[in-house]
Amino acid sequence: MYKVVIIDDEKWIIEGLKTGVDWNKYGFEVVGDAENGIKGLEILESYKPELVFTDIRMPGFNGLELIKKAKEKLPDSLFVILSGYAEFAYAQKAISYGIFDYCLKPFEIDDITELLDRASLRLSSKNNTQTYNPFILYEAICTKDIDNIRSILLTNEIIPDNKRSITPLVSLGKNVLEFVNGTKHISFKINTDKYGYLVYGQSPHNISECLLTNQKANIKSIGLGFAVSELSEIETSLETASIASYGVFFSGKFGIYKNSSLEEAYMNTLLSDISDSLKRKDRLHFINSIETLRIAFHEGYFNIKTAYIFFNLITYLSCSDILSKHLSIFDDYEDLYKQFNDVNAMIDYLKENTLTYFSDKNNDKYSLVEHGKIKEILKHINENLTKDISVTTLASKFYINPNYMCSLFKKEVGETIIEYISKRRIDYACKLLHETELPISDISEKCGFHDYFYFTKVFKKFNHTTPSIYRNKARGIV
């Protein structure tokens, strides 16, 4: 067991850490604590712990003074600063003392257990001689503080150039990646579920060979940035890796992902189709568009940022009618991932929760049906009118006897399946004739009629006029 000492002038912090963390699980044991720097130093000299948690501001002498004095006698111990303030001046000074991490209060237990995971790896690895502060490093990358980045890299004997570049990685999951011995790298925490890594001297094509292979259970996916030789490019490459790390959102499986090149023309086409369907309240067009979007996501045309754009667009265009009761706009793509975990759940959610926005007489009829199986059949018909639908295919899909299904449908809906499908298709044709400039032959296809003359015949049966005359009358043309 590795020994741990906690030093903080707030007793509840000490007790919270001692009782709230399963120390033994990570190979640690709390052997002592103190509420000021003077007593804390005495305990450190007595127990010689491998890991020390200390506050900055406390009686006696502060945490930095404690670390400076303790490091003289315990050079191999890992020190973690606890602070209620984002005291960057203290943190920058602390890096010269070789602290292991800098935790801001209030912290979550997950933050501490993640830290213990990394501390255990550091203590058990003889080859790991890295000395840097992950908190300072990530802050420097985000603010493009090149001087600070260079200082940290040089401390770890990492000097990027045209021959030996740096490749940023981002892992999605609550555990840190483990690398094979000899892989020079430094790591830092991005948030509770993401970690960043700067891997030195390895081609992006060889990254998978640098990782231990038994990590799938702990890591959801890994994003790969591009190799950089200029420090000014690290932030952009890290963001690229961060976006790519959400590859699991689209694939549903672990992997090392590169950021897809956005197909902007295709994205704009789909955005236009979805916007048009929402503005015209054309649910069938909307369903077809987002199902096309689902396929595009699975085939790698877009990334998590695109999913964020599409989700918020649909929310924005539909919320005026539903007063935002069902949909909410997310602040960033990380929130989108946390809410849905995969793109299929997101698409299904949009289909289900925009139903009220497209409210019409057919949805009203759907709400009146009580039989669960018939409700499923109605929903399938309403969302697949443009496809081939028959009694046989419906019976097969929903595992129900065809004759029984027809009888039950007529009883619940008030008309036969064929009548209902025909009426829905003709209703949709009327909507398209009135709201679009599409040729009538194209409308026939969009409504599930592959024979134009048959379409005209059925249309006339329900409307007592031809599609062309209906369109003219709808537009006031005699």
Protein backbone atom coordinates (compact mmCIF):
# COMPACT_ATOMS: atom_id res chain seq x y z
CA MET A 1 0.00 0.00 0.00
CA TYR A 2 1.15 3.53 -0.78
CA LYS A 3 0.91 5.86 2.24
CA VAL A 4 -1.18 9.06 2.10
CA VAL A 5 -1.19 12.16 4.33
CA ILE A 6 -3.86 14.90 4.13
CA ILE A 7 -3.10 18.43 5.37
CA ASP A 8 -5.92 21.01 5.41
CA ASP A 9 -7.17 23.55 7.96
CA GLU A 10 -10.77 22.57 7.18
CA LYS A 11 -11.49 19.41 9.18
CA TRP A 12 -14.51 18.52 7.03
CA ILE A 13 -12.26 18.35 3.96
CA ILE A 14 -9.98 15.87 5.69
CA GLU A 15 -12.84 13.71 6.94
CA GLY A 16 -14.62 13.91 3.59
CA LEU A 17 -11.56 12.62 1.77
CA LYS A 18 -10.81 9.92 4.34
CA THR A 19 -14.34 8.47 4.35
CA GLY A 20 -15.52 9.27 0.83
CA VAL A 21 -12.74 7.58 -1.14
CA ASP A 22 -12.09 3.87 -1.45
CA TRP A 23 -8.33 4.28 -0.95
CA ASN A 24 -7.55 0.56 -0.79
CA LYS A 25 -9.08 0.00 -4.21
CA TYR A 26 -6.33 2.10 -5.75
CA GLY A 27 -3.53 0.79 -3.55
CA PHE A 28 -3.42 3.66 -1.03
CA GLU A 29 -3.89 4.05 2.72
CA VAL A 30 -4.40 7.29 4.68
CA VAL A 31 -1.85 7.09 7.53
CA GLY A 32 -2.12 10.61 8.95
CA ASP A 33 -3.59 14.10 8.76
CA ALA A 34 -2.96 17.61 10.06
CA GLU A 35 -4.72 20.98 10.18
CA ASN A 36 -1.69 23.27 9.77
CA GLY A 37 1.63 23.33 7.97
CA ILE A 38 3.87 22.94 11.02
CA LYS A 39 2.20 19.77 12.29
CA GLY A 40 1.86 18.58 8.70
CA LEU A 41 5.63 18.70 8.16
CA GLU A 42 6.20 16.70 11.35
CA ILE A 43 3.80 13.98 10.15
CA LEU A 44 5.44 13.88 6.73
CA GLU A 45 8.88 13.42 8.27
CA SER A 46 7.49 10.67 10.49
CA TYR A 47 5.45 8.64 7.97
CA LYS A 48 7.35 9.45 4.73
CA PRO A 49 4.20 9.04 2.58
CA GLU A 50 4.26 8.53 -1.17
CA LEU A 51 1.27 10.85 -1.72
CA VAL A 52 0.44 14.13 0.05
CA PHE A 53 -2.69 16.30 -0.24
CA THR A 54 -2.18 19.84 1.09
CA ASP A 55 -4.15 23.08 1.16
CA ILE A 56 -2.38 26.32 0.12
CA ARG A 57 -3.76 28.76 2.70
CA MET A 58 -3.49 27.47 6.27
CA PRO A 59 -1.94 28.38 9.65
CA GLY A 60 1.73 27.91 10.41
CA PHE A 61 3.16 28.10 6.94
CA ASN A 62 1.29 27.71 3.66
CA GLY A 63 1.15 24.74 1.33
CA LEU A 64 3.92 25.98 -0.95
CA GLU A 65 6.29 26.46 1.99
CA LEU A 66 5.34 23.00 3.24
CA ILE A 67 6.06 21.41 -0.15
CA LYS A 68 9.40 23.23 -0.47
CA LYS A 69 10.56 22.03 2.94
CA ALA A 70 9.16 18.49 2.52
CA LYS A 71 10.67 18.02 -0.94
CA GLU A 72 14.15 18.33 0.57
CA LYS A 73 13.58 15.18 2.60
CA LEU A 74 10.93 13.43 0.45
CA PRO A 75 12.07 14.08 -3.15
CA ASP A 76 10.11 11.12 -4.56
CA SER A 77 6.78 11.87 -2.88
CA LEU A 78 3.87 13.16 -4.98
CA PHE A 79 2.21 16.37 -3.80
CA VAL A 80 -1.33 17.46 -4.66
CA ILE A 81 -2.47 21.00 -3.88
CA LEU A 82 -6.05 21.54 -2.67
CA SER A 83 -7.42 25.06 -3.11
CA GLY A 84 -10.73 26.88 -3.14
CA TYR A 85 -9.41 29.42 -5.62
CA ALA A 86 -8.02 29.28 -9.15
CA GLU A 87 -4.73 30.72 -7.87
CA PHE A 88 -2.67 30.50 -11.03
CA ALA A 89 0.21 32.50 -9.55
CA TYR A 90 0.54 29.88 -6.80
CA ALA A 91 0.11 27.08 -9.30
CA GLN A 92 2.83 28.43 -11.57
CA LYS A 93 5.21 28.72 -8.64
CA ALA A 94 4.26 25.23 -7.47
CA ILE A 95 5.36 23.68 -10.76
CA SER A 96 8.94 24.53 -9.86
CA TYR A 97 8.47 22.36 -6.77
CA GLY A 98 7.34 19.43 -8.92
CA ILE A 99 3.77 19.03 -7.64
CA PHE A 100 1.72 16.21 -9.12
CA ASP A 101 -1.66 17.94 -9.46
CA TYR A 102 -3.71 20.97 -8.47
CA CYS A 103 -7.33 20.33 -7.39
CA LEU A 104 -9.89 23.11 -7.10
CA LYS A 105 -12.49 22.93 -4.34
CA PRO A 106 -15.21 21.80 -4.35
CA PHE A 107 -14.08 18.64 -6.08
CA GLU A 108 -15.95 15.44 -6.87
CA ILE A 109 -14.94 12.04 -5.53
CA ASP A 110 -14.46 11.00 -9.17
CA ASP A 111 -11.79 13.71 -9.46
CA ILE A 112 -9.87 12.17 -6.56
CA THR A 113 -10.21 8.56 -7.73
CA GLU A 114 -9.01 9.55 -11.20
CA LEU A 115 -6.03 11.28 -9.61
CA LEU A 116 -5.28 8.15 -7.56
CA ASP A 117 -5.35 6.12 -10.76
CA ARG A 118 -2.67 8.32 -12.26
CA ALA A 119 -0.66 8.54 -9.06
CA SER A 120 -0.57 4.76 -8.81
CA LEU A 121 0.72 4.52 -12.37
CA ARG A 122 3.37 7.16 -11.64
CA LEU A 123 4.56 5.47 -8.47
CA SER A 124 4.64 1.99 -10.00
CA SER A 125 6.45 3.01 -13.18
CA LYS A 126 10.22 3.19 -12.91
CA ASN A 127 10.50 4.51 -16.46
CA ASN A 128 8.18 7.45 -15.94
CA THR A 129 10.36 10.41 -15.00
CA GLN A 130 7.96 13.14 -16.15
CA THR A 131 7.78 16.24 -13.95
CA TYR A 132 5.07 18.72 -14.84
CA ASN A 133 1.73 20.03 -13.63
CA PRO A 134 -1.19 18.83 -15.77
CA PHE A 135 -3.33 21.73 -14.59
CA ILE A 136 -0.75 24.30 -15.75
CA LEU A 137 -0.05 22.47 -19.01
CA TYR A 138 -3.68 22.34 -20.15
CA GLU A 139 -4.21 25.97 -19.15
CA ALA A 140 -1.15 26.95 -21.19
CA ILE A 141 -2.41 25.02 -24.25
CA CYS A 142 -5.89 26.58 -24.06
CA THR A 143 -4.48 30.12 -23.75
CA LYS A 144 -1.72 29.47 -26.32
CA ASP A 145 0.92 30.39 -23.76
CA ILE A 146 3.81 29.19 -25.92
CA ASP A 147 6.53 30.09 -23.41
CA ASN A 148 4.91 28.03 -20.66
CA ILE A 149 4.25 25.11 -23.00
CA ARG A 150 7.88 25.17 -24.14
CA SER A 151 9.12 25.26 -20.53
CA ILE A 152 7.06 22.21 -19.57
CA LEU A 153 8.09 20.27 -22.67
CA LEU A 154 11.77 21.05 -22.18
CA THR A 155 11.53 19.93 -18.55
CA ASN A 156 10.38 16.56 -19.91
CA GLU A 157 13.06 16.48 -22.63
CA ILE A 158 10.50 16.97 -25.38
CA ILE A 159 11.77 19.23 -28.16
CA PRO A 160 9.52 19.13 -31.26
CA ASP A 161 11.12 19.73 -34.65
CA ASN A 162 10.81 18.58 -38.24
CA LYS A 163 12.26 15.17 -37.38
CA ARG A 164 10.48 14.44 -34.09
CA SER A 165 6.98 15.87 -33.84
CA ILE A 166 4.24 15.83 -31.19
CA THR A 167 0.90 14.08 -31.81
CA PRO A 168 -1.98 15.11 -29.51
CA LEU A 169 -4.49 12.45 -28.43
CA VAL A 170 -7.72 12.72 -26.48
CA SER A 171 -9.33 9.76 -24.71
CA LEU A 172 -13.00 9.63 -23.77
CA GLY A 173 -13.61 7.84 -20.47
CA LYS A 174 -12.88 8.16 -16.77
CA ASN A 175 -9.47 6.42 -16.91
CA VAL A 176 -6.14 7.49 -18.34
CA LEU A 177 -4.49 5.69 -21.24
CA GLU A 178 -1.56 3.41 -20.56
CA PHE A 179 1.37 3.44 -22.99
CA VAL A 180 3.97 0.77 -23.67
CA ASN A 181 7.34 1.29 -22.02
CA GLY A 182 9.57 3.71 -23.87
CA THR A 183 6.76 5.86 -25.29
CA LYS A 184 7.61 9.41 -24.29
CA HIS A 185 4.44 11.36 -23.53
CA ILE A 186 2.80 13.72 -21.09
CA SER A 187 -0.87 13.73 -20.08
CA PHE A 188 -3.41 16.09 -18.52
CA LYS A 189 -7.06 16.11 -17.54
CA ILE A 190 -9.50 18.02 -19.77
CA ASN A 191 -12.66 17.27 -17.75
CA THR A 192 -14.09 14.40 -15.73
CA ASP A 193 -14.50 12.23 -18.84
CA LYS A 194 -11.66 13.36 -21.12
CA TYR A 195 -7.88 13.28 -20.97
CA GLY A 196 -5.35 14.83 -23.29
CA TYR A 197 -1.94 13.45 -24.25
CA LEU A 198 1.06 14.80 -26.12
CA VAL A 199 2.94 11.85 -27.63
CA TYR A 200 6.49 12.61 -28.72
CA GLY A 201 8.43 11.19 -31.65
CA GLN A 202 5.70 8.86 -32.93
CA SER A 203 3.93 9.01 -36.27
CA PRO A 204 0.12 9.23 -36.03
CA HIS A 205 0.05 6.00 -38.06
CA ASN A 206 1.96 4.18 -35.28
CA ILE A 207 -0.02 5.48 -32.29
CA SER A 208 -2.02 2.27 -31.84
CA GLU A 209 1.26 0.36 -31.39
CA CYS A 210 2.21 2.68 -28.51
CA LEU A 211 -0.87 1.84 -26.44
CA LEU A 212 -1.44 -1.15 -24.20
CA THR A 213 -4.19 -3.27 -25.75
CA ASN A 214 -6.36 -4.09 -22.70
CA GLN A 215 -8.03 -0.68 -22.27
CA LYS A 216 -11.35 -1.05 -24.07
CA ALA A 217 -13.31 -1.57 -20.85
CA ASN A 218 -12.16 1.74 -19.41
CA ILE A 219 -11.81 3.97 -22.49
CA LYS A 220 -14.78 4.60 -24.78
CA SER A 221 -12.81 5.95 -27.73
CA ILE A 222 -9.63 7.81 -28.65
CA GLY A 223 -9.33 10.88 -30.88
CA LEU A 224 -6.21 11.44 -32.96
CA GLY A 225 -4.87 14.90 -33.77
CA PHE A 226 -2.33 15.76 -36.46
CA ALA A 227 1.43 15.73 -35.88
CA VAL A 228 2.86 19.16 -35.05
CA SER A 229 6.40 20.53 -35.01
CA GLU A 230 5.37 24.09 -34.12
CA LEU A 231 4.09 24.72 -30.59
CA SER A 232 1.56 27.23 -31.93
CA GLU A 233 -0.27 24.33 -33.62
CA ILE A 234 -0.78 22.20 -30.49
CA GLU A 235 -4.06 23.83 -29.46
CA THR A 236 -5.64 23.32 -32.90
CA SER A 237 -4.45 19.72 -33.13
CA LEU A 238 -5.71 18.98 -29.61
CA GLU A 239 -9.15 20.37 -30.51
CA THR A 240 -9.12 18.17 -33.62
CA ALA A 241 -8.37 15.17 -31.42
CA SER A 242 -11.08 16.20 -28.97
CA ILE A 243 -13.73 16.27 -31.70
CA ALA A 244 -12.48 12.97 -33.12
CA SER A 245 -12.66 11.32 -29.69
CA TYR A 246 -16.46 11.29 -30.04
CA GLY A 247 -16.22 8.74 -32.86
CA VAL A 248 -17.97 6.26 -30.55
CA PHE A 249 -21.05 8.53 -30.71
CA PHE A 250 -21.51 7.48 -34.34
CA SER A 251 -19.99 3.99 -34.46
CA GLY A 252 -21.09 2.66 -31.09
CA LYS A 253 -17.72 0.96 -30.55
CA PHE A 254 -14.23 1.59 -29.24
CA GLY A 255 -11.63 2.78 -31.69
CA ILE A 256 -8.96 5.33 -32.55
CA TYR A 257 -10.68 7.97 -34.66
CA LYS A 258 -9.52 10.79 -36.90
CA ASN A 259 -11.64 13.87 -37.34
CA SER A 260 -13.72 13.52 -40.51
CA SER A 261 -13.40 16.12 -43.24
CA LEU A 262 -16.71 17.93 -43.29
CA GLU A 263 -18.71 17.61 -46.49
CA GLU A 264 -19.96 21.19 -46.38
CA ALA A 265 -22.03 21.02 -49.59
CA TYR A 266 -23.79 17.86 -48.36
CA MET A 267 -24.30 19.40 -44.91
CA ASN A 268 -25.83 22.54 -46.41
CA THR A 269 -28.18 20.43 -48.54
CA LEU A 270 -29.42 18.50 -45.51
CA LEU A 271 -29.72 21.67 -43.44
CA SER A 272 -31.83 23.19 -46.20
CA ASP A 273 -34.04 20.08 -46.49
CA ILE A 274 -34.64 19.92 -42.75
CA SER A 275 -35.33 23.65 -42.49
CA ASP A 276 -37.79 23.45 -45.38
CA SER A 277 -39.63 20.48 -43.86
CA LEU A 278 -39.95 22.26 -40.51
CA LYS A 279 -41.09 25.55 -41.98
CA ARG A 280 -43.74 23.77 -44.06
CA LYS A 281 -44.58 21.39 -41.18
CA ASP A 282 -44.01 18.46 -43.50
CA ARG A 283 -43.38 15.58 -41.10
CA LEU A 284 -42.81 12.98 -43.81
CA HIS A 285 -40.17 15.15 -45.46
CA PHE A 286 -38.64 15.76 -42.03
CA ILE A 287 -38.49 12.03 -41.23
CA ASN A 288 -36.87 11.26 -44.58
CA SER A 289 -34.32 14.06 -44.10
CA ILE A 290 -33.16 13.08 -40.63
CA GLU A 291 -33.03 9.41 -41.59
CA THR A 292 -30.72 10.48 -44.41
CA LEU A 293 -28.78 12.43 -41.79
CA ARG A 294 -28.54 9.30 -39.61
CA ILE A 295 -26.96 7.39 -42.51
CA ALA A 296 -24.55 10.27 -43.22
CA PHE A 297 -23.39 10.21 -39.60
CA HIS A 298 -22.85 6.45 -39.67
CA GLU A 299 -20.88 6.70 -42.91
CA GLY A 300 -18.52 9.28 -41.42
CA TYR A 301 -19.49 12.37 -43.38
CA PHE A 302 -19.91 14.51 -40.27
CA ASN A 303 -18.59 14.86 -36.71
CA ILE A 304 -19.95 15.65 -33.23
CA LYS A 305 -19.94 19.39 -33.97
CA THR A 306 -22.21 18.78 -36.94
CA ALA A 307 -24.57 16.74 -34.75
CA TYR A 308 -24.65 19.68 -32.35
CA ILE A 309 -25.50 22.08 -35.21
CA PHE A 310 -28.31 19.89 -36.55
CA PHE A 311 -29.80 19.23 -33.12
CA ASN A 312 -29.91 22.90 -32.19
CA LEU A 313 -31.28 23.91 -35.59
CA ILE A 314 -34.19 21.48 -35.28
CA THR A 315 -34.78 22.60 -31.70
CA TYR A 316 -34.76 26.27 -32.63
CA LEU A 317 -37.10 25.90 -35.61
CA SER A 318 -39.60 23.73 -33.76
CA CYS A 319 -39.57 25.29 -30.28
CA SER A 320 -41.80 28.24 -31.16
CA ASP A 321 -44.79 25.91 -31.42
CA ILE A 322 -44.00 23.60 -28.52
CA LEU A 323 -42.63 26.33 -26.19
CA SER A 324 -39.46 24.33 -25.60
CA LYS A 325 -41.29 21.78 -23.46
CA HIS A 326 -39.75 18.77 -25.14
CA LEU A 327 -36.49 20.00 -26.63
CA SER A 328 -33.61 21.98 -25.15
CA ILE A 329 -30.72 23.73 -26.84
CA PHE A 330 -27.30 22.50 -25.67
CA ASP A 331 -24.41 24.85 -24.95
CA ASP A 332 -21.79 22.63 -26.61
CA TYR A 333 -21.29 19.26 -28.23
CA GLU A 334 -20.03 17.69 -24.99
CA ASP A 335 -23.44 18.23 -23.39
CA LEU A 336 -25.07 16.63 -26.45
CA TYR A 337 -22.91 13.53 -26.01
CA LYS A 338 -23.63 13.30 -22.28
CA GLN A 339 -27.37 13.47 -22.96
CA PHE A 340 -27.59 10.83 -25.70
CA ASN A 341 -24.34 8.79 -25.82
CA ASP A 342 -25.00 7.77 -29.43
CA VAL A 343 -26.40 9.35 -32.57
CA ASN A 344 -29.27 6.86 -32.95
CA ALA A 345 -30.70 7.92 -29.60
CA MET A 346 -30.44 11.56 -30.69
CA ILE A 347 -32.23 10.98 -34.01
CA ASP A 348 -34.96 8.89 -32.37
CA TYR A 349 -35.44 11.59 -29.74
CA LEU A 350 -35.89 14.26 -32.42
CA LYS A 351 -38.42 12.14 -34.28
CA GLU A 352 -40.44 11.48 -31.15
CA ASN A 353 -40.30 14.91 -29.57
CA THR A 354 -41.17 16.94 -32.64
CA LEU A 355 -44.42 15.02 -33.10
CA THR A 356 -46.45 17.79 -31.43
CA TYR A 357 -44.94 20.37 -33.77
CA PHE A 358 -46.31 18.48 -36.77
CA SER A 359 -49.72 18.00 -35.17
CA ASP A 360 -52.50 17.31 -37.69
CA LYS A 361 -55.69 15.28 -37.95
CA ASN A 362 -53.73 12.08 -38.52
CA ASN A 363 -51.79 12.56 -35.29
CA ASP A 364 -55.09 13.19 -33.54
CA LYS A 365 -56.38 9.89 -34.89
CA TYR A 366 -53.18 8.21 -33.69
CA SER A 367 -53.73 9.53 -30.15
CA LEU A 368 -57.27 8.09 -30.08
CA VAL A 369 -56.14 4.54 -30.88
CA GLU A 370 -55.81 2.46 -27.73
CA HIS A 371 -54.38 -0.81 -29.04
CA GLY A 372 -50.57 -0.76 -28.71
CA LYS A 373 -49.85 -2.86 -31.80
CA ILE A 374 -52.12 -0.75 -34.02
CA LYS A 375 -50.45 2.41 -32.71
CA GLU A 376 -47.10 0.97 -33.78
CA ILE A 377 -48.48 0.12 -37.22
CA LEU A 378 -49.97 3.61 -37.64
CA LYS A 379 -46.67 5.23 -36.68
CA HIS A 380 -44.79 3.05 -39.16
CA ILE A 381 -47.21 3.89 -41.96
CA ASN A 382 -47.09 7.64 -41.26
CA GLU A 383 -43.29 7.67 -41.34
CA ASN A 384 -42.86 5.43 -44.38
CA LEU A 385 -45.52 6.54 -46.84
CA THR A 386 -43.01 6.93 -49.65
CA LYS A 387 -41.94 3.29 -49.36
CA ASP A 388 -43.70 0.12 -50.42
CA ILE A 389 -46.25 -0.79 -47.74
CA SER A 390 -48.56 -3.78 -47.95
CA VAL A 391 -50.68 -5.86 -45.59
CA THR A 392 -48.20 -8.72 -45.98
CA THR A 393 -45.11 -6.65 -45.13
CA LEU A 394 -46.84 -5.02 -42.16
CA ALA A 395 -48.01 -8.37 -40.78
CA SER A 396 -44.49 -9.75 -41.12
CA LYS A 397 -42.82 -6.73 -39.53
CA PHE A 398 -45.13 -6.63 -36.51
CA TYR A 399 -45.52 -10.40 -36.08
CA ILE A 400 -49.29 -10.49 -36.40
CA ASN A 401 -51.73 -12.57 -38.44
CA PRO A 402 -52.71 -10.58 -41.60
CA ASN A 403 -56.46 -11.24 -41.30
CA TYR A 404 -56.51 -10.43 -37.60
CA MET A 405 -54.47 -7.28 -38.22
CA CYS A 406 -56.87 -6.04 -40.91
CA SER A 407 -59.90 -6.66 -38.71
CA LEU A 408 -58.30 -5.01 -35.67
CA PHE A 409 -57.10 -2.01 -37.72
CA LYS A 410 -60.58 -1.38 -39.14
CA LYS A 411 -62.06 -1.58 -35.65
CA GLU A 412 -59.53 0.82 -34.10
CA VAL A 413 -59.05 3.32 -36.96
CA GLY A 414 -62.43 3.19 -38.67
CA GLU A 415 -61.13 2.33 -42.15
CA THR A 416 -59.14 -0.40 -43.82
CA ILE A 417 -55.33 -0.34 -43.99
CA ILE A 418 -55.37 0.22 -47.76
CA GLU A 419 -57.88 3.09 -47.44
CA TYR A 420 -55.83 4.70 -44.68
CA ILE A 421 -52.56 4.46 -46.65
CA SER A 422 -54.18 5.84 -49.79
CA LYS A 423 -55.76 8.78 -47.94
CA ARG A 424 -52.52 9.62 -46.17
CA ARG A 425 -50.62 9.59 -49.46
CA ILE A 426 -53.18 11.76 -51.19
CA ASP A 427 -53.27 14.18 -48.23
CA TYR A 428 -49.52 14.49 -48.52
CA ALA A 429 -49.80 15.01 -52.28
CA CYS A 430 -52.23 17.88 -51.68
CA LYS A 431 -49.79 19.48 -49.27
CA LEU A 432 -46.94 19.27 -51.79
CA LEU A 433 -49.13 20.56 -54.65
CA HIS A 434 -50.07 23.57 -52.56
CA GLU A 435 -46.71 24.39 -50.94
CA THR A 436 -44.07 23.42 -53.50
CA GLU A 437 -43.19 23.90 -57.16
CA LEU A 438 -42.38 20.22 -57.65
CA PRO A 439 -43.62 18.67 -60.91
CA ILE A 440 -46.67 16.48 -60.42
CA SER A 441 -44.76 13.42 -61.58
CA ASP A 442 -42.18 14.01 -58.82
CA ILE A 443 -44.94 14.47 -56.26
CA SER A 444 -46.41 11.16 -57.37
CA GLU A 445 -43.08 9.44 -56.61
CA LYS A 446 -42.67 11.22 -53.26
CA CYS A 447 -46.10 10.01 -52.20
CA GLY A 448 -45.33 6.37 -52.87
CA PHE A 449 -47.00 6.05 -56.30
CA HIS A 450 -44.72 4.58 -58.93
CA ASP A 451 -47.35 4.84 -61.68
CA TYR A 452 -48.31 8.43 -62.53
CA PHE A 453 -51.63 7.46 -64.11
CA TYR A 454 -52.60 5.35 -61.11
CA PHE A 455 -51.74 8.30 -58.88
CA THR A 456 -54.02 10.58 -60.91
CA LYS A 457 -56.83 8.03 -60.71
CA VAL A 458 -56.56 7.67 -56.92
CA PHE A 459 -56.21 11.44 -56.46
CA LYS A 460 -59.38 12.07 -58.46
CA LYS A 461 -61.23 9.45 -56.42
CA PHE A 462 -60.61 11.35 -53.17
CA ASN A 463 -60.69 14.94 -54.45
CA HIS A 464 -63.05 14.73 -57.45
CA THR A 465 -60.54 16.60 -59.59
CA THR A 466 -57.11 16.12 -61.15
CA PRO A 467 -53.82 17.10 -59.41
CA SER A 468 -53.17 19.96 -61.89
CA ILE A 469 -56.63 21.51 -61.45
CA TYR A 470 -56.32 21.10 -57.65
CA ARG A 471 -52.99 22.98 -57.68
CA ASN A 472 -54.43 25.83 -59.79
CA LYS A 473 -57.49 26.21 -57.55
CA ALA A 474 -55.34 26.15 -54.42
CA ARG A 475 -53.37 29.07 -55.87
CA GLY A 476 -56.42 30.99 -57.03
CA ILE A 477 -55.84 30.27 -60.73
CA VAL A 478 -59.08 29.62 -62.61
